[in-house]
């Protein structure tokens, strides 16, 4: 039966549906000028909304969900196809002049995202064709053997499974003493993740007593810097016409790389360059469209996939131990076992020592009238040493001790409110007035400033210069070697306090202790990947504040981002 566009349905089914933002309606009106009537305009609005939500395309065979999680009014697939094929706005994959692409599987794309997806798939399959072609390699030695034999290696594993240690062993095998050193680059999506990759690799090379490699190891940087992507400039400095001069590339935190950036990266790589992608396919996907690493790993596990010879999986956890409470909770969350996760939390929280004395703790979300009292102990234990410290180098080290992670920005249990409350508690303890800047405030940079060597996600701390006691506060960030560098606060790009930060912003970071706070109500943004990512930011201790029902639904909900990449890589289309 056809779905009618009756007047009684227009508010929910038409362009005035609350599901759409003004950007979606604007795009729909643009596409409507090409012809095709209301169905084409609606499909365009849904596609725009899907891309805003992180999808690469719109699957016309499945009705999308409203913000409340309910299916939206939808046409049968054949009716969508008929309307779209009649519009001059929509072309087949082989066309090049239309703004939208409809493929044979009923997926509707923006032209540029279809180009990104197919170009990346072609580049990966070209390298996979030269891979050993066997099954999935398990654990470190097998991963090293796989990487040495393959021009493309996907090294997937959770935090603490030794991904960077394995990467160092791969470098050692590929660069024996006395052999010519290849042109190598180290990169990650954020400056913080790049710094951690370089630090971990250097530590491994020191342990293996390879001073020659240590001296030749390049500085790690962001993927944007590697490609020469500049604000306001349409094309990166490096692309297929101006390739990177590399023999080998190591990319960490690959789960954070969106489709457009990954496509640009492989476009700029010489076909002979060896690529090693490190990441955790179970972490949150990138904020921008795509879930590329998960698509690649899923494709590589499919029987007969051309990528089967490229995947190495690390499962043994060296940080927690596979019997630890944190590891067990992470595994139940990763597997979507909500009831087991709740039982495990109850088991350990009931006997956990107070004030971060145990491995796993937490409990129900504190009621708003009791929130300050509940935050008091964690904030003082976690940030008290930081606000008392006056040595910038030591303060930057203390930033890795503790962090409050929130699932959302807004609301009574979001980043903005928790930041405000934590700062107020610390001010009261230090007897500092509301209008006086608080020394020891952690800072989070939220936009790139290449001229200052600061990038979105970098963290610093607000402190006076030790050489100027009683002087103004400066923003201190890690510098060359062990010496921190200071920047006047007025020069900083957009930034915010970081007593609390979102789980998304915490990716690529680790802390000794984490307090993970979920909101009071369920939301589509609460997924098992978000919970898993928040839990795995901790090295030693996690406290989780959540309503049991909210946590249960979050663990049961898996992030799904629509794309055709997995099928292309698995040989299904």
Protein backbone atom coordinates (compact mmCIF):
# COMPACT_ATOMS: atom_id res chain seq x y z
CA UNK A 1 0.00 0.00 0.00
CA UNK A 2 1.30 3.43 -0.93
CA UNK A 3 2.05 5.91 1.80
CA UNK A 4 -0.23 8.92 1.12
CA UNK A 5 0.90 12.50 1.52
CA UNK A 6 -2.42 13.53 3.01
CA UNK A 7 -2.84 16.94 4.59
CA UNK A 8 -3.21 15.29 7.98
CA UNK A 9 0.33 13.92 7.60
CA UNK A 10 2.03 17.01 6.21
CA UNK A 11 3.46 18.25 9.48
CA UNK A 12 5.20 14.95 10.21
CA UNK A 13 5.93 13.90 6.62
CA UNK A 14 6.56 17.22 4.88
CA UNK A 15 9.37 19.72 4.96
CA UNK A 16 7.83 21.40 8.00
CA UNK A 17 8.47 18.23 10.05
CA UNK A 18 10.30 19.01 13.32
CA UNK A 19 12.82 16.33 12.33
CA UNK A 20 14.39 18.77 9.86
CA UNK A 21 16.69 21.70 10.54
CA UNK A 22 16.53 24.83 8.41
CA UNK A 23 19.68 23.64 6.61
CA UNK A 24 17.81 20.49 5.52
CA UNK A 25 14.88 22.54 4.22
CA UNK A 26 17.20 24.92 2.36
CA UNK A 27 18.91 21.99 0.63
CA UNK A 28 15.55 20.41 -0.20
CA UNK A 29 14.38 23.65 -1.86
CA UNK A 30 17.61 23.75 -3.90
CA UNK A 31 17.11 20.18 -5.12
CA UNK A 32 13.41 20.83 -5.84
CA UNK A 33 14.43 23.33 -8.53
CA UNK A 34 15.68 20.40 -10.61
CA UNK A 35 12.19 18.90 -10.66
CA UNK A 36 10.66 15.73 -9.32
CA UNK A 37 8.04 17.10 -6.96
CA UNK A 38 7.56 16.68 -3.24
CA UNK A 39 9.08 13.18 -2.89
CA UNK A 40 12.41 14.38 -4.30
CA UNK A 41 12.46 17.43 -2.01
CA UNK A 42 11.69 15.21 0.98
CA UNK A 43 14.40 12.71 0.05
CA UNK A 44 16.87 15.59 -0.18
CA UNK A 45 15.86 16.88 3.26
CA UNK A 46 16.24 13.39 4.73
CA UNK A 47 19.64 13.03 3.07
CA UNK A 48 20.82 16.36 4.50
CA UNK A 49 19.61 15.30 7.96
CA UNK A 50 21.34 11.92 7.61
CA UNK A 51 24.68 13.56 6.77
CA UNK A 52 24.30 15.89 9.77
CA UNK A 53 23.86 12.77 11.91
CA UNK A 54 27.09 11.24 10.60
CA UNK A 55 25.74 8.97 7.86
CA UNK A 56 27.42 8.84 4.46
CA UNK A 57 24.19 8.22 2.55
CA UNK A 58 20.44 7.67 2.96
CA UNK A 59 19.23 4.07 2.80
CA UNK A 60 15.87 4.36 1.08
CA UNK A 61 14.93 0.83 2.13
CA UNK A 62 14.74 1.83 5.81
CA UNK A 63 12.68 4.57 7.41
CA UNK A 64 14.88 6.86 9.53
CA UNK A 65 14.02 7.53 13.15
CA UNK A 66 12.81 10.78 14.67
CA UNK A 67 14.80 12.43 17.47
CA UNK A 68 12.49 10.53 19.86
CA UNK A 69 13.46 7.21 18.25
CA UNK A 70 10.22 6.63 16.30
CA UNK A 71 10.16 5.72 12.57
CA UNK A 72 9.28 8.70 10.38
CA UNK A 73 6.61 8.45 7.61
CA UNK A 74 8.22 6.80 4.61
CA UNK A 75 7.58 5.71 1.03
CA UNK A 76 8.17 2.19 -0.31
CA UNK A 77 11.60 1.81 -1.93
CA UNK A 78 10.26 1.50 -5.49
CA UNK A 79 8.28 4.74 -5.15
CA UNK A 80 11.39 6.57 -3.96
CA UNK A 81 13.37 5.13 -6.86
CA UNK A 82 10.76 6.11 -9.44
CA UNK A 83 10.52 9.69 -8.18
CA UNK A 84 14.28 10.17 -7.88
CA UNK A 85 15.11 8.68 -11.27
CA UNK A 86 12.68 11.14 -12.87
CA UNK A 87 14.53 14.12 -11.39
CA UNK A 88 17.39 15.92 -13.12
CA UNK A 89 19.02 16.26 -9.69
CA UNK A 90 19.70 12.53 -9.41
CA UNK A 91 22.10 10.47 -11.47
CA UNK A 92 23.48 6.96 -11.60
CA UNK A 93 26.94 6.21 -10.15
CA UNK A 94 28.47 6.61 -13.61
CA UNK A 95 27.04 10.11 -14.07
CA UNK A 96 29.13 13.10 -13.05
CA UNK A 97 26.93 16.18 -13.44
CA UNK A 98 24.16 15.63 -10.89
CA UNK A 99 24.31 16.77 -7.25
CA UNK A 100 22.81 13.47 -6.00
CA UNK A 101 23.66 9.83 -6.77
CA UNK A 102 21.30 6.85 -6.47
CA UNK A 103 23.07 3.48 -6.50
CA UNK A 104 21.67 0.05 -7.33
CA UNK A 105 21.19 -0.83 -3.66
CA UNK A 106 18.81 2.10 -3.12
CA UNK A 107 21.31 4.36 -1.34
CA UNK A 108 21.08 8.09 -2.02
CA UNK A 109 24.32 10.10 -1.78
CA UNK A 110 25.58 13.61 -2.09
CA UNK A 111 27.84 13.45 -5.13
CA UNK A 112 31.01 14.34 -3.21
CA UNK A 113 30.41 11.68 -0.53
CA UNK A 114 29.84 9.04 -3.19
CA UNK A 115 33.15 10.09 -4.75
CA UNK A 116 34.92 9.91 -1.38
CA UNK A 117 33.51 6.46 -0.65
CA UNK A 118 34.33 4.91 -4.00
CA UNK A 119 37.80 6.48 -4.19
CA UNK A 120 38.70 5.22 -0.71
CA UNK A 121 37.34 1.75 -1.45
CA UNK A 122 39.38 1.57 -4.68
CA UNK A 123 42.56 2.68 -2.88
CA UNK A 124 42.11 0.15 -0.08
CA UNK A 125 41.29 -2.71 -2.44
CA UNK A 126 44.36 -1.90 -4.56
CA UNK A 127 46.59 -2.32 -1.50
CA UNK A 128 44.65 -5.32 -0.23
CA UNK A 129 45.31 -7.10 -3.52
CA UNK A 130 49.00 -7.19 -2.53
CA UNK A 131 48.30 -8.47 1.00
CA UNK A 132 48.95 -12.10 2.05
CA UNK A 133 45.27 -12.96 1.64
CA UNK A 134 44.93 -15.28 4.61
CA UNK A 135 42.66 -15.10 7.65
CA UNK A 136 42.70 -12.60 10.49
CA UNK A 137 45.94 -12.40 12.49
CA UNK A 138 45.56 -12.60 16.27
CA UNK A 139 47.91 -10.98 18.82
CA UNK A 140 51.21 -9.18 18.57
CA UNK A 141 53.67 -11.54 16.87
CA UNK A 142 51.12 -12.57 14.27
CA UNK A 143 50.27 -8.90 13.76
CA UNK A 144 53.93 -8.07 13.16
CA UNK A 145 54.24 -10.87 10.61
CA UNK A 146 51.07 -9.70 8.87
CA UNK A 147 52.22 -6.07 8.71
CA UNK A 148 55.67 -6.94 7.38
CA UNK A 149 54.08 -8.85 4.52
CA UNK A 150 51.28 -6.42 3.67
CA UNK A 151 51.23 -2.90 2.20
CA UNK A 152 48.07 -2.24 4.24
CA UNK A 153 47.52 -3.29 7.85
CA UNK A 154 44.49 -2.64 10.05
CA UNK A 155 45.61 -3.10 13.66
CA UNK A 156 42.50 -3.15 15.84
CA UNK A 157 42.36 -3.51 19.61
CA UNK A 158 41.09 -1.82 22.73
CA UNK A 159 43.15 0.46 24.96
CA UNK A 160 45.90 -1.43 26.74
CA UNK A 161 46.19 -4.21 24.15
CA UNK A 162 49.56 -2.95 22.90
CA UNK A 163 48.77 -1.33 19.55
CA UNK A 164 51.64 1.17 19.68
CA UNK A 165 54.00 -1.45 21.13
CA UNK A 166 53.13 -3.68 18.18
CA UNK A 167 53.62 -0.75 15.80
CA UNK A 168 57.11 -0.22 17.26
CA UNK A 169 57.92 -3.90 16.71
CA UNK A 170 56.75 -3.58 13.12
CA UNK A 171 59.08 -0.61 12.60
CA UNK A 172 61.96 -2.58 14.13
CA UNK A 173 61.34 -5.51 11.77
CA UNK A 174 61.06 -3.27 8.73
CA UNK A 175 64.16 -1.26 9.66
CA UNK A 176 66.92 -3.66 10.73
CA UNK A 177 70.25 -2.15 11.88
CA UNK A 178 72.31 -0.86 8.99
CA UNK A 179 69.45 -0.90 6.48
CA UNK A 180 68.41 2.31 4.69
CA UNK A 181 65.65 4.05 6.61
CA UNK A 182 62.37 4.55 4.74
CA UNK A 183 60.63 7.91 4.57
CA UNK A 184 58.24 7.61 7.50
CA UNK A 185 55.39 9.77 8.81
CA UNK A 186 53.42 9.49 12.06
CA UNK A 187 49.97 11.06 12.26
CA UNK A 188 46.66 11.10 14.13
CA UNK A 189 43.40 13.05 13.89
CA UNK A 190 44.24 15.32 16.86
CA UNK A 191 47.40 16.89 18.24
CA UNK A 192 46.91 15.09 21.55
CA UNK A 193 46.65 11.68 19.90
CA UNK A 194 49.68 12.44 17.69
CA UNK A 195 51.77 13.37 20.74
CA UNK A 196 50.76 10.14 22.51
CA UNK A 197 51.67 8.06 19.45
CA UNK A 198 55.13 9.61 19.20
CA UNK A 199 55.73 9.31 22.94
CA UNK A 200 54.76 5.62 22.97
CA UNK A 201 56.89 4.77 19.93
CA UNK A 202 59.91 6.57 21.37
CA UNK A 203 59.54 4.71 24.66
CA UNK A 204 59.44 1.37 22.81
CA UNK A 205 62.52 2.19 20.74
CA UNK A 206 64.41 3.16 23.90
CA UNK A 207 63.56 -0.23 25.42
CA UNK A 208 64.79 -1.98 22.27
CA UNK A 209 68.05 0.01 22.29
CA UNK A 210 67.77 1.38 18.76
CA UNK A 211 69.26 4.88 19.01
CA UNK A 212 69.53 5.08 15.22
CA UNK A 213 65.77 4.68 14.80
CA UNK A 214 65.10 6.93 17.77
CA UNK A 215 67.12 9.73 16.17
CA UNK A 216 65.41 9.25 12.81
CA UNK A 217 61.85 9.00 14.15
CA UNK A 218 59.87 11.97 12.79
CA UNK A 219 57.69 14.23 14.88
CA UNK A 220 54.07 13.10 14.84
CA UNK A 221 51.45 15.58 13.68
CA UNK A 222 47.81 15.87 12.75
CA UNK A 223 46.47 14.48 9.50
CA UNK A 224 45.41 18.00 8.54
CA UNK A 225 48.99 19.21 8.91
CA UNK A 226 50.38 16.19 7.03
CA UNK A 227 48.07 16.83 4.06
CA UNK A 228 48.45 20.60 4.18
CA UNK A 229 44.76 21.28 4.76
CA UNK A 230 44.40 24.99 5.50
CA UNK A 231 41.40 27.03 6.63
CA UNK A 232 39.72 28.76 3.70
CA UNK A 233 41.73 26.86 1.09
CA UNK A 234 39.67 24.42 -0.97
CA UNK A 235 42.37 21.91 -1.91
CA UNK A 236 44.96 20.34 0.37
CA UNK A 237 48.61 20.87 -0.42
CA UNK A 238 48.99 17.12 -1.09
CA UNK A 239 46.72 15.10 -3.35
CA UNK A 240 47.08 12.64 -6.23
CA UNK A 241 48.79 15.29 -8.34
CA UNK A 242 51.08 16.34 -5.48
CA UNK A 243 51.61 13.13 -3.47
CA UNK A 244 53.29 12.83 -0.11
CA UNK A 245 56.96 11.82 -0.28
CA UNK A 246 56.54 8.75 1.92
CA UNK A 247 57.43 5.09 2.04
CA UNK A 248 55.44 4.36 5.19
CA UNK A 249 52.67 5.99 7.20
CA UNK A 250 51.46 5.12 10.71
CA UNK A 251 48.07 6.56 11.73
CA UNK A 252 46.82 6.24 15.31
CA UNK A 253 43.23 6.65 16.56
CA UNK A 254 41.93 5.74 13.11
CA UNK A 255 38.39 5.35 14.47
CA UNK A 256 38.26 9.16 14.75
CA UNK A 257 39.02 9.74 11.05
CA UNK A 258 35.91 10.64 9.01
CA UNK A 259 35.34 9.50 5.44
CA UNK A 260 36.31 12.77 3.67
CA UNK A 261 39.63 13.00 5.52
CA UNK A 262 40.48 9.31 5.04
CA UNK A 263 39.69 9.59 1.32
CA UNK A 264 41.94 12.65 1.00
CA UNK A 265 44.71 10.83 2.87
CA UNK A 266 44.73 7.82 0.54
CA UNK A 267 44.42 10.10 -2.48
CA UNK A 268 47.69 11.78 -1.45
CA UNK A 269 49.60 8.57 -0.71
CA UNK A 270 51.87 6.99 -3.32
CA UNK A 271 50.58 3.55 -4.31
CA UNK A 272 53.86 2.06 -3.07
CA UNK A 273 53.59 3.52 0.45
CA UNK A 274 52.99 1.06 3.29
CA UNK A 275 50.08 2.06 5.55
CA UNK A 276 49.50 1.00 9.16
CA UNK A 277 46.18 2.08 10.70
CA UNK A 278 45.84 1.69 14.48
CA UNK A 279 42.49 1.97 16.21
CA UNK A 280 39.63 0.47 18.16
CA UNK A 281 36.62 -0.34 16.00
CA UNK A 282 34.36 -0.32 19.08
CA UNK A 283 35.06 3.30 20.02
CA UNK A 284 32.89 6.24 19.05
CA UNK A 285 32.89 7.10 15.38
CA UNK A 286 34.18 10.44 14.19
CA UNK A 287 32.04 13.53 14.79
CA UNK A 288 31.99 14.12 11.03
CA UNK A 289 30.32 11.69 8.60
CA UNK A 290 31.45 8.10 8.44
CA UNK A 291 32.51 5.19 10.60
CA UNK A 292 35.40 4.23 8.40
CA UNK A 293 37.53 2.03 10.64
CA UNK A 294 34.51 -0.01 11.78
CA UNK A 295 33.44 -0.46 8.13
CA UNK A 296 36.95 -1.58 7.20
CA UNK A 297 37.26 -4.05 10.08
CA UNK A 298 33.75 -5.43 9.51
CA UNK A 299 34.53 -5.88 5.82
CA UNK A 300 37.81 -7.65 6.64
CA UNK A 301 35.97 -10.18 8.83
CA UNK A 302 33.52 -11.11 6.06
CA UNK A 303 34.22 -14.48 4.39
CA UNK A 304 35.91 -13.98 1.06
CA UNK A 305 36.56 -10.29 1.59
CA UNK A 306 39.61 -8.91 -0.26
CA UNK A 307 40.58 -7.23 3.03
CA UNK A 308 40.86 -10.46 5.07
CA UNK A 309 44.62 -10.47 4.73
CA UNK A 310 44.99 -6.95 6.11
CA UNK A 311 43.42 -7.27 9.58
CA UNK A 312 45.27 -7.98 12.80
CA UNK A 313 43.31 -8.03 16.10
CA UNK A 314 44.77 -7.59 19.59
CA UNK A 315 42.62 -8.88 22.46
CA UNK A 316 44.91 -9.47 25.46
CA UNK A 317 44.74 -6.45 27.76
CA UNK A 318 48.03 -5.47 29.40
CA UNK A 319 46.67 -2.39 31.21
CA UNK A 320 43.83 -3.87 33.24
CA UNK A 321 44.28 -7.60 32.84
CA UNK A 322 41.46 -9.59 31.32
CA UNK A 323 40.07 -10.47 34.77
CA UNK A 324 39.87 -6.89 36.06
CA UNK A 325 36.57 -5.20 36.82
CA UNK A 326 37.12 -2.42 34.28
CA UNK A 327 37.99 -4.89 31.52
CA UNK A 328 34.99 -7.08 32.33
CA UNK A 329 32.65 -4.07 32.29
CA UNK A 330 34.11 -2.81 29.00
CA UNK A 331 33.62 -6.21 27.41
CA UNK A 332 29.99 -6.52 28.54
CA UNK A 333 29.26 -3.02 27.23
CA UNK A 334 31.05 -3.71 23.95
CA UNK A 335 28.97 -6.84 23.49
CA UNK A 336 25.72 -5.00 24.30
CA UNK A 337 24.98 -7.14 27.39
CA UNK A 338 23.09 -4.54 29.42
CA UNK A 339 21.87 -6.82 32.21
CA UNK A 340 25.38 -8.18 32.81
CA UNK A 341 26.83 -4.65 32.84
CA UNK A 342 24.32 -3.54 35.49
CA UNK A 343 24.97 -6.63 37.61
CA UNK A 344 28.72 -6.07 37.42
CA UNK A 345 28.36 -2.44 38.46
CA UNK A 346 26.20 -3.40 41.43
CA UNK A 347 28.68 -6.08 42.45
CA UNK A 348 31.71 -3.82 42.49
CA UNK A 349 30.06 -0.56 43.54
CA UNK A 350 28.68 -2.15 46.68
CA UNK A 351 32.13 -3.05 47.94
CA UNK A 352 34.23 -0.30 46.37
CA UNK A 353 36.37 1.88 48.59
CA UNK A 354 35.43 5.54 48.77
CA UNK A 355 37.31 8.46 47.22
CA UNK A 356 38.68 6.55 44.22
CA UNK A 357 40.13 3.83 46.41
CA UNK A 358 38.85 0.94 44.30
CA UNK A 359 38.93 -0.07 40.65
CA UNK A 360 35.28 0.40 39.72
CA UNK A 361 32.55 2.35 41.45
CA UNK A 362 29.70 4.77 41.09
CA UNK A 363 25.97 4.41 41.42
CA UNK A 364 22.69 6.11 40.51
CA UNK A 365 22.84 9.66 39.24
CA UNK A 366 22.80 12.11 42.19
CA UNK A 367 19.62 14.18 42.39
CA UNK A 368 20.16 17.82 41.43
CA UNK A 369 19.84 19.15 45.01
CA UNK A 370 22.59 16.72 46.04
CA UNK A 371 24.83 17.13 42.97
CA UNK A 372 27.25 19.63 44.53
CA UNK A 373 27.68 17.41 47.57
CA UNK A 374 28.31 14.39 45.34
CA UNK A 375 30.84 16.31 43.21
CA UNK A 376 32.70 17.70 46.21
CA UNK A 377 34.83 14.65 46.97
CA UNK A 378 35.76 13.72 43.38
CA UNK A 379 36.49 17.35 42.40
CA UNK A 380 38.76 17.97 45.39
CA UNK A 381 40.54 14.63 45.10
CA UNK A 382 40.97 14.94 41.36
CA UNK A 383 41.66 18.66 40.92
CA UNK A 384 42.83 19.86 44.33
CA UNK A 385 46.49 19.06 43.59
CA UNK A 386 46.18 20.81 40.23
CA UNK A 387 44.82 24.12 41.56
CA UNK A 388 47.49 24.12 44.29
CA UNK A 389 50.36 23.42 41.87
CA UNK A 390 52.40 26.38 40.61
CA UNK A 391 54.97 24.59 38.43
CA UNK A 392 53.61 24.49 34.85
CA UNK A 393 55.46 21.30 33.89
CA UNK A 394 54.16 19.48 36.94
CA UNK A 395 50.64 20.88 36.40
CA UNK A 396 50.58 19.54 32.84
CA UNK A 397 51.48 16.11 34.22
CA UNK A 398 48.64 16.37 36.73
CA UNK A 399 46.16 16.91 33.87
CA UNK A 400 46.41 13.19 33.20
CA UNK A 401 45.37 12.20 36.72
CA UNK A 402 41.61 12.77 36.61
CA UNK A 403 38.79 13.94 34.37
CA UNK A 404 35.01 14.17 34.57
CA UNK A 405 33.49 12.91 31.31
CA UNK A 406 29.92 13.74 30.30
CA UNK A 407 27.81 12.23 27.55
CA UNK A 408 26.24 15.58 26.55
CA UNK A 409 27.10 19.29 26.57
CA UNK A 410 23.79 20.77 27.67
CA UNK A 411 21.49 20.06 30.58
CA UNK A 412 21.98 19.69 34.34
CA UNK A 413 24.40 16.79 33.89
CA UNK A 414 26.17 18.12 30.80
CA UNK A 415 29.67 19.48 30.38
CA UNK A 416 28.74 23.15 30.72
CA UNK A 417 26.90 22.73 34.04
CA UNK A 418 29.36 20.24 35.54
CA UNK A 419 32.24 22.55 34.61
CA UNK A 420 30.49 25.44 36.33
CA UNK A 421 29.79 23.45 39.48
CA UNK A 422 33.30 21.96 39.72
CA UNK A 423 34.93 25.38 39.30
CA UNK A 424 32.62 26.87 41.95
CA UNK A 425 33.48 24.10 44.42
CA UNK A 426 37.21 24.61 43.91
CA UNK A 427 36.85 28.39 44.23
CA UNK A 428 35.07 28.01 47.55
CA UNK A 429 37.77 25.68 48.87
CA UNK A 430 40.49 28.12 47.80
CA UNK A 431 38.50 31.18 48.99
CA UNK A 432 38.72 32.76 45.52
CA UNK A 433 36.10 35.26 44.41
CA UNK A 434 33.81 34.47 41.47
CA UNK A 435 35.28 37.21 39.25
CA UNK A 436 38.94 36.19 39.79
CA UNK A 437 40.48 33.65 37.33
CA UNK A 438 41.19 30.33 39.01
CA UNK A 439 44.82 29.26 38.75
CA UNK A 440 45.04 25.59 37.84
CA UNK A 441 42.00 25.64 35.57
CA UNK A 442 42.46 23.02 32.84
CA UNK A 443 41.81 24.36 29.33
CA UNK A 444 40.49 22.60 26.23
CA UNK A 445 41.19 24.13 22.81
CA UNK A 446 38.14 23.84 20.53
CA UNK A 447 39.45 25.17 17.21
CA UNK A 448 42.66 24.91 15.23
CA UNK A 449 45.28 27.66 15.41
CA UNK A 450 48.26 26.38 13.37
CA UNK A 451 50.13 29.65 13.85
CA UNK A 452 50.24 28.89 17.59
CA UNK A 453 50.74 25.15 17.07
CA UNK A 454 47.43 24.59 18.85
CA UNK A 455 44.73 22.29 17.56
CA UNK A 456 41.20 21.25 18.44
CA UNK A 457 41.42 18.87 21.40
CA UNK A 458 44.71 20.14 22.84
CA UNK A 459 44.71 20.66 26.61
CA UNK A 460 46.62 23.11 28.77
CA UNK A 461 46.43 24.77 32.17
CA UNK A 462 46.03 28.35 33.45
CA UNK A 463 48.88 29.35 35.80
CA UNK A 464 51.11 32.33 36.65
CA UNK A 465 54.72 32.26 35.49
CA UNK A 466 56.90 30.87 38.34
CA UNK A 467 59.38 33.65 37.53
CA UNK A 468 56.66 36.25 38.19
CA UNK A 469 55.01 35.35 41.54
CA UNK A 470 51.73 37.18 41.84
CA UNK A 471 51.81 38.06 38.14
CA UNK A 472 49.14 37.44 35.49
CA UNK A 473 47.92 33.99 34.53
CA UNK A 474 49.22 32.39 31.36
CA UNK A 475 47.96 29.43 29.37
CA UNK A 476 50.59 26.66 29.47
CA UNK A 477 50.79 23.87 26.91
CA UNK A 478 53.31 21.07 26.24
CA UNK A 479 56.30 22.34 24.31
CA UNK A 480 59.43 20.92 22.76
CA UNK A 481 60.97 18.28 25.02
CA UNK A 482 60.05 18.73 28.67
CA UNK A 483 59.74 22.52 28.71
CA UNK A 484 56.14 23.81 28.60
CA UNK A 485 55.35 26.89 26.55
CA UNK A 486 53.23 29.82 27.67
CA UNK A 487 50.66 31.74 25.66
CA UNK A 488 48.75 34.85 26.67
CA UNK A 489 45.09 33.89 27.24
CA UNK A 490 43.97 36.71 24.93
CA UNK A 491 45.85 35.05 22.05
CA UNK A 492 44.21 31.66 22.45
CA UNK A 493 41.78 30.34 19.85
CA UNK A 494 38.33 29.29 21.06
CA UNK A 495 38.67 27.30 24.28
CA UNK A 496 36.77 26.30 27.41
CA UNK A 497 37.39 25.01 30.94
CA UNK A 498 38.03 21.27 31.04
CA UNK A 499 37.20 20.10 34.54
CA UNK A 500 34.58 18.20 32.56
CA UNK A 501 34.64 17.34 28.87
CA UNK A 502 32.47 15.32 26.53
CA UNK A 503 33.33 11.70 25.86
CA UNK A 504 33.77 12.67 22.19
CA UNK A 505 36.39 15.28 23.09
CA UNK A 506 38.21 12.79 25.35
CA UNK A 507 39.05 10.42 22.49
CA UNK A 508 42.79 10.09 22.12
CA UNK A 509 43.32 10.89 25.83
CA UNK A 510 43.87 8.75 28.91
CA UNK A 511 43.49 9.54 32.62
CA UNK A 512 44.37 7.65 35.77
CA UNK A 513 40.80 8.09 37.05
CA UNK A 514 37.57 8.91 35.27
CA UNK A 515 34.15 9.95 36.55
CA UNK A 516 31.66 9.19 33.76
CA UNK A 517 28.33 11.04 34.08
CA UNK A 518 25.27 10.15 31.99
CA UNK A 519 22.23 12.46 31.69
CA UNK A 520 19.03 11.91 33.58
CA UNK A 521 17.02 10.96 30.48
CA UNK A 522 17.61 8.55 27.63
CA UNK A 523 18.69 10.01 24.30
CA UNK A 524 19.69 8.63 20.87
CA UNK A 525 23.24 9.94 21.47
CA UNK A 526 23.65 7.46 24.35
CA UNK A 527 25.11 4.32 22.76
CA UNK A 528 27.26 1.41 23.80
CA UNK A 529 30.15 2.96 21.84
CA UNK A 530 29.90 6.15 23.90
CA UNK A 531 29.84 4.21 27.20
CA UNK A 532 32.72 1.98 26.07
CA UNK A 533 34.80 4.96 24.97
CA UNK A 534 34.24 6.76 28.27
CA UNK A 535 35.16 3.68 30.32
CA UNK A 536 38.32 3.01 28.33
CA UNK A 537 39.71 6.50 28.93
CA UNK A 538 40.67 5.29 32.44
CA UNK A 539 43.97 3.66 33.28
CA UNK A 540 43.18 2.60 36.85
CA UNK A 541 39.75 3.65 38.12
CA UNK A 542 36.26 4.37 36.78
CA UNK A 543 33.24 5.77 38.59
CA UNK A 544 29.99 5.75 36.64
CA UNK A 545 26.99 7.87 37.62
CA UNK A 546 23.89 6.74 35.74
CA UNK A 547 20.25 5.86 36.16
CA UNK A 548 20.04 2.08 35.64
CA UNK A 549 17.32 2.36 32.99
CA UNK A 550 19.24 5.01 31.04
CA UNK A 551 22.44 2.95 31.15
CA UNK A 552 20.60 -0.21 30.13
CA UNK A 553 19.08 1.41 27.04
CA UNK A 554 22.42 3.00 26.11
CA UNK A 555 24.26 -0.34 26.25
CA UNK A 556 21.56 -1.94 24.11
CA UNK A 557 21.79 0.82 21.49
CA UNK A 558 24.52 0.45 18.87
CA UNK A 559 25.78 3.27 16.67
CA UNK A 560 24.72 2.66 13.10
CA UNK A 561 25.99 4.86 10.33
CA UNK A 562 24.73 4.18 6.86
CA UNK A 563 27.30 3.81 4.10
CA UNK A 564 28.17 1.50 1.25
CA UNK A 565 31.85 1.25 2.18
CA UNK A 566 31.62 -2.07 3.98
CA UNK A 567 29.82 -3.70 1.04
CA UNK A 568 32.33 -2.27 -1.45
CA UNK A 569 35.27 -3.55 0.60
CA UNK A 570 33.67 -6.95 1.21
CA UNK A 571 33.05 -7.40 -2.50
CA UNK A 572 29.26 -7.28 -2.13
CA UNK A 573 28.66 -4.46 -4.63
